[in-house]
């Protein structure tokens, strides 16, 4: 049978710890997914971007995207499943969300609120802090 060697008490935990340390950076990296991007419009799956709207309305379609819109954003439209979006909007800008389990966190560049239109299931649209 297998005999337990005293050195195994030290070698095996050290080996396991080195695997855990080596795997951490790989797990922490975000997959940039697949899809397309055109100006302030993003479509696809599992994308992570910070995008300057540049005065164009922001659009997101697809699933599991993590998008942070910055700059001058006159509106936002989100269609899909499980997207996480943050955006700074112009006062009174349209913010339309449809689909399932999308989370949109908005801020205003000035005073006021967006014009909300939310449909679908378990979508969350909330002001940022």
Protein backbone atom coordinates (compact mmCIF):
# COMPACT_ATOMS: atom_id res chain seq x y z
CA UNK A 1 0.00 0.00 0.00
CA UNK A 2 0.87 3.68 -0.16
CA UNK A 3 3.03 4.86 2.70
CA UNK A 4 2.64 8.43 3.86
CA UNK A 5 5.97 10.20 3.60
CA UNK A 6 6.78 13.08 5.94
CA UNK A 7 7.82 15.28 3.01
CA UNK A 8 4.33 14.94 1.49
CA UNK A 9 2.99 16.91 4.41
CA UNK A 10 4.91 19.95 3.14
CA UNK A 11 5.09 19.38 -0.61
CA UNK A 12 1.40 18.76 -1.32
CA UNK A 13 0.07 21.91 0.48
CA UNK A 14 2.77 24.03 -1.18
CA UNK A 15 1.86 22.62 -4.59
CA UNK A 16 -1.86 23.26 -4.00
CA UNK A 17 -1.14 26.82 -2.86
CA UNK A 18 0.96 27.53 -5.95
CA UNK A 19 -1.89 26.34 -8.19
CA UNK A 20 -4.32 28.62 -6.38
CA UNK A 21 -2.01 31.63 -6.74
CA UNK A 22 -1.39 30.94 -10.43
CA UNK A 23 -5.12 30.54 -11.18
CA UNK A 24 -6.20 33.77 -9.45
CA UNK A 25 -5.10 36.20 -12.21
CA UNK A 26 -6.82 34.07 -14.84
CA UNK A 27 -10.08 34.03 -12.89
CA UNK A 28 -9.89 37.78 -12.26
CA UNK A 29 -9.58 38.63 -15.95
CA UNK A 30 -12.83 39.52 -17.67
CA UNK A 31 -13.62 37.88 -20.97
CA UNK A 32 -14.33 40.57 -23.57
CA UNK A 33 -16.90 38.32 -25.21
CA UNK A 34 -18.13 38.49 -28.76
CA UNK A 35 -20.13 41.07 -30.61
CA UNK A 36 -19.90 44.42 -32.33
CA UNK A 37 -19.46 48.02 -31.35
CA UNK A 38 -20.34 51.04 -33.46
CA UNK A 39 -19.91 54.40 -31.74
CA UNK A 40 -22.11 54.32 -28.64
CA UNK A 41 -23.91 51.13 -29.77
CA UNK A 42 -22.89 47.70 -28.44
CA UNK A 43 -24.37 44.33 -29.33
CA UNK A 44 -23.23 40.88 -28.38
CA UNK A 45 -22.46 38.66 -25.43
CA UNK A 46 -20.24 39.11 -22.37
CA UNK A 47 -18.54 42.33 -23.44
CA UNK A 48 -16.91 44.76 -21.01
CA UNK A 49 -16.25 48.32 -22.20
CA UNK A 50 -16.06 51.91 -21.10
CA UNK A 51 -17.50 53.96 -23.96
CA UNK A 52 -17.64 57.70 -24.55
CA UNK A 53 -21.05 58.49 -26.05
CA UNK A 54 -19.67 61.49 -27.92
CA UNK A 55 -23.14 63.07 -28.14
CA UNK A 56 -24.75 59.92 -29.58
CA UNK A 57 -27.56 57.96 -27.89
CA UNK A 58 -26.22 54.84 -26.17
CA UNK A 59 -27.58 51.43 -27.20
CA UNK A 60 -26.94 47.97 -25.76
CA UNK A 61 -28.38 44.69 -27.02
CA UNK A 62 -27.39 41.17 -26.10
CA UNK A 63 -26.63 39.41 -22.86
CA UNK A 64 -24.27 39.67 -19.91
CA UNK A 65 -22.58 42.85 -21.12
CA UNK A 66 -20.92 45.20 -18.59
CA UNK A 67 -20.84 48.68 -20.11
CA UNK A 68 -19.90 52.02 -18.54
CA UNK A 69 -21.00 54.95 -20.72
CA UNK A 70 -19.25 58.27 -20.10
CA UNK A 71 -19.34 61.67 -21.76
CA UNK A 72 -22.33 63.39 -23.36
CA UNK A 73 -25.11 60.77 -23.54
CA UNK A 74 -28.49 62.06 -24.80
CA UNK A 75 -30.31 58.74 -24.17
CA UNK A 76 -30.05 54.99 -23.56
CA UNK A 77 -31.82 51.94 -24.98
CA UNK A 78 -31.16 48.48 -23.52
CA UNK A 79 -32.57 45.20 -24.93
CA UNK A 80 -31.50 41.81 -23.70
CA UNK A 81 -30.74 39.66 -20.69
CA UNK A 82 -28.43 40.21 -17.73
CA UNK A 83 -26.73 43.40 -18.92
CA UNK A 84 -25.15 45.75 -16.37
CA UNK A 85 -25.00 49.34 -17.52
CA UNK A 86 -23.91 52.60 -15.91
CA UNK A 87 -24.44 55.94 -17.63
CA UNK A 88 -24.52 59.71 -17.12
CA UNK A 89 -27.45 61.20 -19.03
CA UNK A 90 -28.60 64.65 -20.07
CA UNK A 91 -31.56 65.96 -18.02
CA UNK A 92 -34.84 64.59 -19.40
CA UNK A 93 -33.09 62.03 -21.62
CA UNK A 94 -35.05 58.90 -22.65
CA UNK A 95 -33.99 55.73 -20.84
CA UNK A 96 -35.63 52.59 -22.28
CA UNK A 97 -35.03 49.11 -20.90
CA UNK A 98 -36.60 45.84 -22.06
CA UNK A 99 -35.76 42.20 -21.50
CA UNK A 100 -34.88 40.24 -18.38
CA UNK A 101 -32.58 40.92 -15.40
CA UNK A 102 -30.92 44.04 -16.78
CA UNK A 103 -29.45 46.48 -14.25
CA UNK A 104 -29.07 50.14 -15.23
CA UNK A 105 -27.52 52.70 -12.91
CA UNK A 106 -27.95 56.27 -14.13
CA UNK A 107 -26.73 59.73 -13.14
CA UNK A 108 -27.76 63.12 -14.46
CA UNK A 109 -25.38 65.68 -15.92
CA UNK A 110 -27.37 68.44 -14.21
CA UNK A 111 -30.71 68.44 -12.43
CA UNK A 112 -33.70 66.34 -13.34
CA UNK A 113 -34.57 62.74 -14.09
CA UNK A 114 -34.62 60.62 -17.23
CA UNK A 115 -37.85 59.73 -19.04
CA UNK A 116 -38.15 56.05 -18.06
CA UNK A 117 -39.76 53.29 -20.13
CA UNK A 118 -39.13 49.89 -18.53
CA UNK A 119 -40.67 46.60 -19.67
CA UNK A 120 -39.83 42.95 -19.23
CA UNK A 121 -39.04 40.88 -16.14
CA UNK A 122 -36.86 41.80 -13.15
CA UNK A 123 -35.17 44.79 -14.78
CA UNK A 124 -33.71 47.31 -12.32
CA UNK A 125 -33.29 50.97 -13.18
CA UNK A 126 -31.92 53.09 -10.37
CA UNK A 127 -30.11 56.36 -9.75
CA UNK A 128 -26.41 56.17 -8.98
CA UNK A 129 -24.74 57.76 -6.03
